[in-house]
C-alpha atoms as a PDB file:
ATOM      1  CA  ILE A   1       3.841  11.337 -15.394  1.00  0.00           C
ATOM      2  CA  SER A   2       2.046  13.078 -18.303  1.00  0.00           C
ATOM      3  CA  LEU A   3      -0.464  10.166 -18.848  1.00  0.00           C
ATOM      4  CA  LEU A   4      -1.232   9.394 -15.806  1.00  0.00           C
ATOM      5  CA  HIS A   5      -2.609  12.935 -15.293  1.00  0.00           C
ATOM      6  CA  VAL A   6      -4.530  12.948 -18.516  1.00  0.00           C
ATOM      7  CA  MET A   7      -5.843   9.523 -17.470  1.00  0.00           C
ATOM      8  CA  SER A   8      -6.614  10.033 -14.175  1.00  0.00           C
ATOM      9  CA  LYS A   9      -8.670  13.142 -15.279  1.00  0.00           C
ATOM     10  CA  ALA A  10     -10.674  11.308 -18.863  1.00  0.00           C
ATOM     11  CA  ALA A  11     -10.981   8.905 -15.598  1.00  0.00           C
ATOM     12  CA  ARG A  12     -13.251  11.414 -14.350  1.00  0.00           C
ATOM     13  CA  ARG A  13     -14.760  12.688 -17.649  1.00  0.00           C
ATOM     14  CA  VAL A  14     -18.560  11.039 -16.954  1.00  0.00           C
ATOM     15  CA  ASP A  15     -19.797  13.605 -18.584  1.00  0.00           C
ATOM     16  CA  ILE A  16     -18.756  12.562 -22.001  1.00  0.00           C
ATOM     17  CA  SER A  17     -19.580   8.844 -21.570  1.00  0.00           C
ATOM     18  CA  VAL A  18     -19.152   6.287 -19.070  1.00  0.00           C
ATOM     19  CA  ALA A  19     -17.400   4.460 -21.147  1.00  0.00           C
ATOM     20  CA  TYR A  20     -15.061   7.266 -21.904  1.00  0.00           C
ATOM     21  CA  ALA A  21     -14.330   7.732 -17.678  1.00  0.00           C
ATOM     22  CA  SER A  22     -13.942   3.348 -16.992  1.00  0.00           C
ATOM     23  CA  SER A  23     -11.403   3.125 -19.865  1.00  0.00           C
ATOM     24  CA  ALA A  24      -9.274   6.144 -18.510  1.00  0.00           C
ATOM     25  CA  LEU A  25      -8.934   3.720 -15.809  1.00  0.00           C
ATOM     26  CA  PHE A  26      -9.056   0.439 -17.572  1.00  0.00           C
ATOM     27  CA  VAL A  27      -5.923   2.465 -19.664  1.00  0.00           C
ATOM     28  CA  LEU A  28      -4.066   2.660 -16.411  1.00  0.00           C
ATOM     29  CA  GLN A  29      -4.767  -1.123 -15.787  1.00  0.00           C
ATOM     30  CA  ALA A  30      -3.393  -1.985 -18.638  1.00  0.00           C
ATOM     31  CA  PHE A  31       0.065   0.302 -17.618  1.00  0.00           C
ATOM     32  CA  VAL A  32       0.619  -1.802 -14.776  1.00  0.00           C
ATOM     33  CA  GLN A  33       0.140  -4.420 -15.970  1.00  0.00           C
ATOM     34  CA  ARG A  34       2.826  -3.601 -18.358  1.00  0.00           C
ATOM     35  CA  CYS A  35       4.826  -1.569 -17.094  1.00  0.00           C
ATOM     36  CA  ALA A  36       5.597  -2.418 -12.744  1.00  0.00           C
ATOM     37  CA  GLY A  37       8.687  -1.296 -13.313  1.00  0.00           C
ATOM     38  CA  LYS A  38       7.812   2.243 -14.321  1.00  0.00           C
ATOM     39  CA  VAL A  39       4.559   2.526 -12.135  1.00  0.00           C
ATOM     40  CA  LEU A  40       7.033   1.366  -9.324  1.00  0.00           C
ATOM     41  CA  PRO A  41       8.460   5.057  -8.218  1.00  0.00           C
ATOM     42  CA  LEU A  42       4.389   6.556  -8.454  1.00  0.00           C
ATOM     43  CA  LEU A  43       2.700   4.012  -7.038  1.00  0.00           C
ATOM     44  CA  THR A  44       1.118   6.681  -4.596  1.00  0.00           C
ATOM     45  CA  ARG A  45       0.287   9.479  -7.410  1.00  0.00           C
ATOM     46  CA  PHE A  46      -1.446   6.004  -9.658  1.00  0.00           C
ATOM     47  CA  ALA A  47      -3.949   5.779  -6.318  1.00  0.00           C
ATOM     48  CA  GLU A  48      -4.782   8.382  -5.137  1.00  0.00           C
ATOM     49  CA  ALA A  49      -5.355   8.709  -9.538  1.00  0.00           C
ATOM     50  CA  VAL A  50      -7.790   6.176  -9.064  1.00  0.00           C
ATOM     51  CA  LEU A  51      -8.954   6.632  -5.939  1.00  0.00           C
ATOM     52  CA  ARG A  52     -10.091  10.292  -7.046  1.00  0.00           C
ATOM     53  CA  CYS A  53     -13.381   8.605  -9.223  1.00  0.00           C
ATOM     54  CA  LEU A  54     -14.632   7.115  -5.604  1.00  0.00           C
ATOM     55  CA  GLU A  55     -15.672  11.021  -3.872  1.00  0.00           C
ATOM     56  CA  PRO A  56     -18.131  10.463  -1.738  1.00  0.00           C
ATOM     57  CA  SER A  57     -18.522  14.467  -3.134  1.00  0.00           C
ATOM     58  CA  ASP A  58     -19.954  12.580  -6.873  1.00  0.00           C
ATOM     59  CA  PRO A  59     -21.847  10.455  -5.717  1.00  0.00           C
ATOM     60  CA  ALA A  60     -22.254   9.624 -10.110  1.00  0.00           C
ATOM     61  CA  LEU A  61     -18.731   9.167  -9.928  1.00  0.00           C
ATOM     62  CA  ARG A  62     -18.275   7.207  -7.720  1.00  0.00           C
ATOM     63  CA  ARG A  63     -21.032   4.430  -8.712  1.00  0.00           C
ATOM     64  CA  HIS A  64     -19.915   4.478 -12.005  1.00  0.00           C
ATOM     65  CA  SER A  65     -16.806   3.999 -12.372  1.00  0.00           C
ATOM     66  CA  LEU A  66     -16.874   1.544  -9.337  1.00  0.00           C
ATOM     67  CA  MET A  67     -16.018  -1.484 -11.597  1.00  0.00           C
ATOM     68  CA  ALA A  68     -13.335  -0.355 -13.134  1.00  0.00           C
ATOM     69  CA  VAL A  69     -12.110   1.003 -10.179  1.00  0.00           C
ATOM     70  CA  THR A  70     -11.799  -2.305  -7.584  1.00  0.00           C
ATOM     71  CA  SER A  71     -10.390  -4.344 -10.463  1.00  0.00           C
ATOM     72  CA  ALA A  72      -7.410  -1.579 -11.304  1.00  0.00           C
ATOM     73  CA  LEU A  73      -6.935  -1.475  -7.027  1.00  0.00           C
ATOM     74  CA  HIS A  74      -6.527  -5.052  -7.406  1.00  0.00           C
ATOM     75  CA  GLU A  75      -3.902  -5.243 -10.849  1.00  0.00           C
ATOM     76  CA  MET A  76      -2.209  -3.156  -7.792  1.00  0.00           C
ATOM     77  CA  VAL A  77      -2.639  -5.580  -4.892  1.00  0.00           C
ATOM     78  CA  GLN A  78      -1.495  -8.403  -6.920  1.00  0.00           C
ATOM     79  CA  THR A  79       1.864  -6.867  -8.487  1.00  0.00           C
ATOM     80  CA  PHE A  80       2.813  -4.853  -5.691  1.00  0.00           C
ATOM     81  CA  PRO A  81       4.430  -6.843  -2.790  1.00  0.00           C
ATOM     82  CA  MET A  82       4.556  -3.249  -1.250  1.00  0.00           C
ATOM     83  CA  VAL A  83       0.289  -2.607  -2.170  1.00  0.00           C
ATOM     84  CA  ASP A  84      -2.319  -4.092  -0.584  1.00  0.00           C
ATOM     85  CA  PHE A  85      -6.289  -4.431   0.562  1.00  0.00           C
ATOM     86  CA  HIS A  86      -8.711  -4.677   3.269  1.00  0.00           C
ATOM     87  CA  GLN A  87     -12.165  -5.231   2.546  1.00  0.00           C
ATOM     88  CA  SER A  88     -14.602  -5.033   5.759  1.00  0.00           C
ATOM     89  CA  SER A  89     -12.491  -1.606   6.710  1.00  0.00           C
ATOM     90  CA  GLN A  90     -12.101  -0.066   2.699  1.00  0.00           C
ATOM     91  CA  LYS A  91      -8.231   0.436   4.522  1.00  0.00           C
ATOM     92  CA  PHE A  92      -6.149   0.437   0.587  1.00  0.00           C
ATOM     93  CA  ALA A  93      -2.209   0.826   1.844  1.00  0.00           C
ATOM     94  CA  VAL A  94       0.800   1.479  -0.300  1.00  0.00           C
ATOM     95  CA  GLY A  95       4.426   1.785   0.591  1.00  0.00           C
ATOM     96  CA  THR A  96       6.589   4.655  -0.798  1.00  0.00           C
ATOM     97  CA  SER A  97       9.881   4.920  -2.333  1.00  0.00           C
ATOM     98  CA  ASP A  98      11.285   7.075   0.962  1.00  0.00           C
ATOM     99  CA  GLY A  99      10.386   5.278   4.035  1.00  0.00           C
ATOM    100  CA  LEU A 100       5.859   5.463   4.186  1.00  0.00           C
ATOM    101  CA  ILE A 101       3.335   3.369   3.563  1.00  0.00           C
ATOM    102  CA  VAL A 102       0.311   5.596   3.315  1.00  0.00           C
ATOM    103  CA  VAL A 103      -3.128   4.507   3.929  1.00  0.00           C
ATOM    104  CA  TYR A 104      -6.276   5.326   2.327  1.00  0.00           C
ATOM    105  CA  ASP A 105     -10.425   4.776   3.379  1.00  0.00           C
ATOM    106  CA  LEU A 106     -11.954   4.375   0.218  1.00  0.00           C
ATOM    107  CA  ARG A 107     -14.865   4.874   1.456  1.00  0.00           C
ATOM    108  CA  THR A 108     -14.134   8.842   1.919  1.00  0.00           C
ATOM    109  CA  ALA A 109     -11.624   8.130  -0.882  1.00  0.00           C
ATOM    110  CA  THR A 110      -9.242   9.848   1.446  1.00  0.00           C
ATOM    111  CA  LYS A 111      -6.006   9.694   3.040  1.00  0.00           C
ATOM    112  CA  TRP A 112      -6.415   8.183   6.589  1.00  0.00           C
ATOM    113  CA  ARG A 113      -3.065   7.732   7.821  1.00  0.00           C
ATOM    114  CA  ILE A 114       0.754   7.321   6.962  1.00  0.00           C
ATOM    115  CA  LEU A 115       3.204   5.319   8.893  1.00  0.00           C
ATOM    116  CA  GLU A 116       6.271   6.310   9.055  1.00  0.00           C
ATOM    117  CA  GLY A 117       9.507   5.031  10.853  1.00  0.00           C
ATOM    118  CA  HIS A 118      11.295   3.045   8.215  1.00  0.00           C
ATOM    119  CA  ALA A 119      14.646   4.553   7.109  1.00  0.00           C
ATOM    120  CA  GLY A 120      13.855   3.153   3.107  1.00  0.00           C
ATOM    121  CA  ALA A 121      11.583   1.838   0.276  1.00  0.00           C
ATOM    122  CA  VAL A 122       9.133  -0.533   1.853  1.00  0.00           C
ATOM    123  CA  ALA A 123       9.298  -3.350  -0.326  1.00  0.00           C
ATOM    124  CA  ALA A 124       6.115  -5.173   1.172  1.00  0.00           C
ATOM    125  CA  ILE A 125       3.192  -4.649   3.356  1.00  0.00           C
ATOM    126  CA  ALA A 126       0.085  -6.808   4.508  1.00  0.00           C
ATOM    127  CA  PHE A 127      -2.389  -6.459   7.045  1.00  0.00           C
ATOM    128  CA  SER A 128      -3.796  -9.462   9.237  1.00  0.00           C
ATOM    129  CA  ASP A 129      -7.386 -10.535   8.695  1.00  0.00           C
ATOM    130  CA  ASP A 130      -9.489  -8.506  11.234  1.00  0.00           C
ATOM    131  CA  GLY A 131      -7.271  -4.934   9.624  1.00  0.00           C
ATOM    132  CA  ASN A 132      -6.281  -4.414  13.102  1.00  0.00           C
ATOM    133  CA  ARG A 133      -2.544  -4.948  12.127  1.00  0.00           C
ATOM    134  CA  LEU A 134      -0.989  -3.831   9.416  1.00  0.00           C
ATOM    135  CA  CYS A 135       2.833  -5.448   8.784  1.00  0.00           C
ATOM    136  CA  SER A 136       5.540  -4.213   6.538  1.00  0.00           C
ATOM    137  CA  TYR A 137       9.135  -5.569   5.380  1.00  0.00           C
ATOM    138  CA  SER A 138      12.291  -2.396   4.253  1.00  0.00           C
ATOM    139  CA  ALA A 139      15.529  -4.405   3.137  1.00  0.00           C
ATOM    140  CA  VAL A 140      17.331  -0.589   3.163  1.00  0.00           C
ATOM    141  CA  ASP A 141      16.735  -0.714   7.730  1.00  0.00           C
ATOM    142  CA  CYS A 142      16.191  -4.452   7.670  1.00  0.00           C
ATOM    143  CA  THR A 143      13.138  -4.236   9.887  1.00  0.00           C
ATOM    144  CA  VAL A 144      10.157  -6.012   9.619  1.00  0.00           C
ATOM    145  CA  ARG A 145       7.393  -3.623  11.671  1.00  0.00           C
ATOM    146  CA  LEU A 146       4.117  -3.926  12.938  1.00  0.00           C
ATOM    147  CA  TRP A 147       1.758  -1.206  12.677  1.00  0.00           C
ATOM    148  CA  GLN A 148      -1.963  -0.063  14.881  1.00  0.00           C
ATOM    149  CA  THR A 149      -3.983   0.388  12.099  1.00  0.00           C
ATOM    150  CA  ALA A 150      -7.110  -0.499  14.491  1.00  0.00           C
ATOM    151  CA  ALA A 151      -9.287   3.057  14.839  1.00  0.00           C
ATOM    152  CA  ALA A 152      -8.778   4.589  17.624  1.00  0.00           C
ATOM    153  CA  GLY A 153     -12.489   5.657  18.272  1.00  0.00           C
ATOM    154  CA  PHE A 154     -13.703   9.263  16.770  1.00  0.00           C
ATOM    155  CA  PHE A 155     -11.197  12.266  18.279  1.00  0.00           C
ATOM    156  CA  GLY A 156      -8.326  10.012  17.828  1.00  0.00           C
ATOM    157  CA  GLY A 157      -9.450   9.595  14.917  1.00  0.00           C
ATOM    158  CA  LEU A 158      -9.490  13.765  13.428  1.00  0.00           C
ATOM    159  CA  MET A 159      -6.939  14.713  15.874  1.00  0.00           C
ATOM    160  CA  SER A 160      -4.068  12.403  14.182  1.00  0.00           C
ATOM    161  CA  SER A 161      -3.752  11.084  10.953  1.00  0.00           C
ATOM    162  CA  GLY A 162      -0.461   9.190  11.991  1.00  0.00           C
ATOM    163  CA  GLY A 163      -0.093   5.552  13.646  1.00  0.00           C
ATOM    164  CA  ARG A 164       1.775   3.613  15.971  1.00  0.00           C
ATOM    165  CA  CYS A 165       4.582   1.122  14.978  1.00  0.00           C
ATOM    166  CA  LEU A 166       3.809  -1.564  17.991  1.00  0.00           C
ATOM    167  CA  LYS A 167       7.078  -4.079  17.247  1.00  0.00           C
ATOM    168  CA  GLN A 168       9.516  -4.615  14.936  1.00  0.00           C
ATOM    169  CA  GLN A 169      12.387  -7.325  14.292  1.00  0.00           C
ATOM    170  CA  GLU A 170      15.813  -6.474  12.893  1.00  0.00           C
ATOM    171  CA  LEU A 171      16.880  -8.638  10.194  1.00  0.00           C
ATOM    172  CA  PRO A 172      20.289  -9.904   8.419  1.00  0.00           C
ATOM    173  CA  PRO A 173      21.325  -7.161   5.911  1.00  0.00           C
ATOM    174  CA  LEU A 174      21.405  -7.917   2.287  1.00  0.00           C
ATOM    175  CA  PRO A 175      23.990  -7.121   0.103  1.00  0.00           C
ATOM    176  CA  PRO A 176      23.091  -3.298  -1.679  1.00  0.00           C
ATOM    177  CA  SER A 177      22.432  -4.321  -5.025  1.00  0.00           C
ATOM    178  CA  GLN A 178      19.350  -6.408  -3.638  1.00  0.00           C
ATOM    179  CA  ALA A 179      18.730  -3.741  -0.903  1.00  0.00           C
ATOM    180  CA  THR A 180      18.035  -0.583  -2.562  1.00  0.00           C
ATOM    181  CA  GLY A 181      16.523   1.438  -5.977  1.00  0.00           C
ATOM    182  CA  ASN A 182      13.817   0.177  -7.711  1.00  0.00           C
ATOM    183  CA  GLN A 183      15.664  -0.354 -11.385  1.00  0.00           C
ATOM    184  CA  SER A 184      16.118  -3.541 -10.171  1.00  0.00           C
ATOM    185  CA  SER A 185      12.866  -6.768 -10.095  1.00  0.00           C
ATOM    186  CA  ALA A 186      14.525  -8.011  -7.389  1.00  0.00           C
ATOM    187  CA  TRP A 187      11.168  -6.204  -5.642  1.00  0.00           C
ATOM    188  CA  ARG A 188       9.161  -8.786  -7.707  1.00  0.00           C
ATOM    189  CA  THR A 189      10.594 -12.022  -5.226  1.00  0.00           C
ATOM    190  CA  VAL A 190       9.208 -10.370  -1.802  1.00  0.00           C
ATOM    191  CA  SER A 191       6.428 -11.702  -0.173  1.00  0.00           C
ATOM    192  CA  LEU A 192       5.030 -11.227   2.596  1.00  0.00           C
ATOM    193  CA  LYS A 193       2.048 -12.705   4.477  1.00  0.00           C
ATOM    194  CA  TRP A 194      -0.264 -13.702   8.313  1.00  0.00           C
ATOM    195  CA  ALA A 195       0.173 -17.272   9.227  1.00  0.00           C
ATOM    196  CA  GLU A 196      -0.920 -19.244  12.199  1.00  0.00           C
ATOM    197  CA  ARG A 197      -0.628 -17.647  15.652  1.00  0.00           C
ATOM    198  CA  GLY A 198      -0.516 -13.529  14.848  1.00  0.00           C
ATOM    199  CA  GLY A 199       2.689 -14.074  12.834  1.00  0.00           C
ATOM    200  CA  VAL A 200       4.377 -13.272   9.418  1.00  0.00           C
ATOM    201  CA  LYS A 201       5.996 -14.959   6.442  1.00  0.00           C
ATOM    202  CA  LEU A 202       8.535 -13.264   4.561  1.00  0.00           C
ATOM    203  CA  VAL A 203      10.220 -14.206   1.221  1.00  0.00           C
ATOM    204  CA  ARG A 204      13.139 -11.304   1.070  1.00  0.00           C
ATOM    205  CA  GLU A 205      14.967  -9.741  -2.485  1.00  0.00           C
ATOM    206  CA  ASN A 206      16.725 -12.657  -2.598  1.00  0.00           C
ATOM    207  CA  GLY A 207      15.042 -15.469  -1.928  1.00  0.00           C
ATOM    208  CA  ASP A 208      15.251 -16.169   1.591  1.00  0.00           C
ATOM    209  CA  ALA A 209      12.067 -17.623   3.035  1.00  0.00           C
ATOM    210  CA  LEU A 210      11.731 -16.439   7.164  1.00  0.00           C
ATOM    211  CA  HIS A 211       9.525 -18.542   9.087  1.00  0.00           C
ATOM    212  CA  PRO A 212       7.131 -16.314  12.342  1.00  0.00           C
ATOM    213  CA  THR A 213       7.783 -18.590  15.266  1.00  0.00           C
ATOM    214  CA  ARG A 214      11.768 -17.487  14.823  1.00  0.00           C
ATOM    215  CA  TRP A 215      10.627 -14.148  15.320  1.00  0.00           C
ATOM    216  CA  CYS A 216      11.021 -12.046  18.382  1.00  0.00           C
ATOM    217  CA  PHE A 217       9.125  -8.734  17.486  1.00  0.00           C
ATOM    218  CA  ARG A 218      10.588  -5.793  19.939  1.00  0.00           C
ATOM    219  CA  ALA A 219       7.832  -3.686  21.405  1.00  0.00           C
ATOM    220  CA  MET A 220       9.116  -0.031  20.381  1.00  0.00           C
ATOM    221  CA  PRO A 221       8.765   2.375  23.405  1.00  0.00           C
ATOM    222  CA  SER A 222       5.883   5.521  23.843  1.00  0.00           C
ATOM    223  CA  SER A 223       5.868   8.430  22.409  1.00  0.00           C
ATOM    224  CA  PRO A 224       6.146  10.708  25.774  1.00  0.00           C
ATOM    225  CA  LYS A 225       3.498  12.468  26.599  1.00  0.00           C
END
C-alpha cells in the first residue's frame, strides 16, 4: 500500500519531468506483472491511482500520461480476469473481493457505475462487443450475472450511480478451497468471454468449461417503484 501511495503521487509530478511521472506508472505496471497476487486485493486502488493521471482538470498531466496509463491498464486487463475494458465507450471495470463491480469512465477519470448483487468476490467480468452489457461470475455465490451498462440518458446518468442486473444463471457449487479467498492461484484459471449469439463461455477455477448454449439466464425481478 505504501508503494502504491508513493508511486501514485509520483505519477502526477510532471512538473519534475514527464519521464519521472511516467516511470512511476511503469513501476506500478511492473508490480502487476511480478506480484499479481499481492495486487489482487488492491485492484480498485491500483485502478484509481492510475486513473488520477487522466483527470480532465489537468490537461497537461492527461496528455503526458496517456501512453503510460494505457499500458498500465492494459496490463491489468491481461493479468486479471475480473478486470475488463471497452474501447468504444471508454469504460474500465473492476470486480472486487466484496462482490461489487466498479465501472470507471476513462473520459472523466471517475466512477461511472457501481454494480451490486454478487454475495462474494467477483472472479471474472467481460463487456459485450457493443459495451451495453457486462457479464460477471462469482464462485462464492455460484452465479453468472448479466448487467446493463448502456447509458441511461442524461438524467439517468446524473441520478443513478448503480446498474441493473438483467439476468442471472445459477451454477453448481465449487469446493470451498476453490470458491473463496485470494490467496490461492485458482483465480488465474478463470476466463469469461462473450461468444456468438450473445452467449458467454466460462472457465471456472477447477478448469470446467461451461458452454453458453447450455445456459438459460433467469430474469431478475424489477425493482419496486
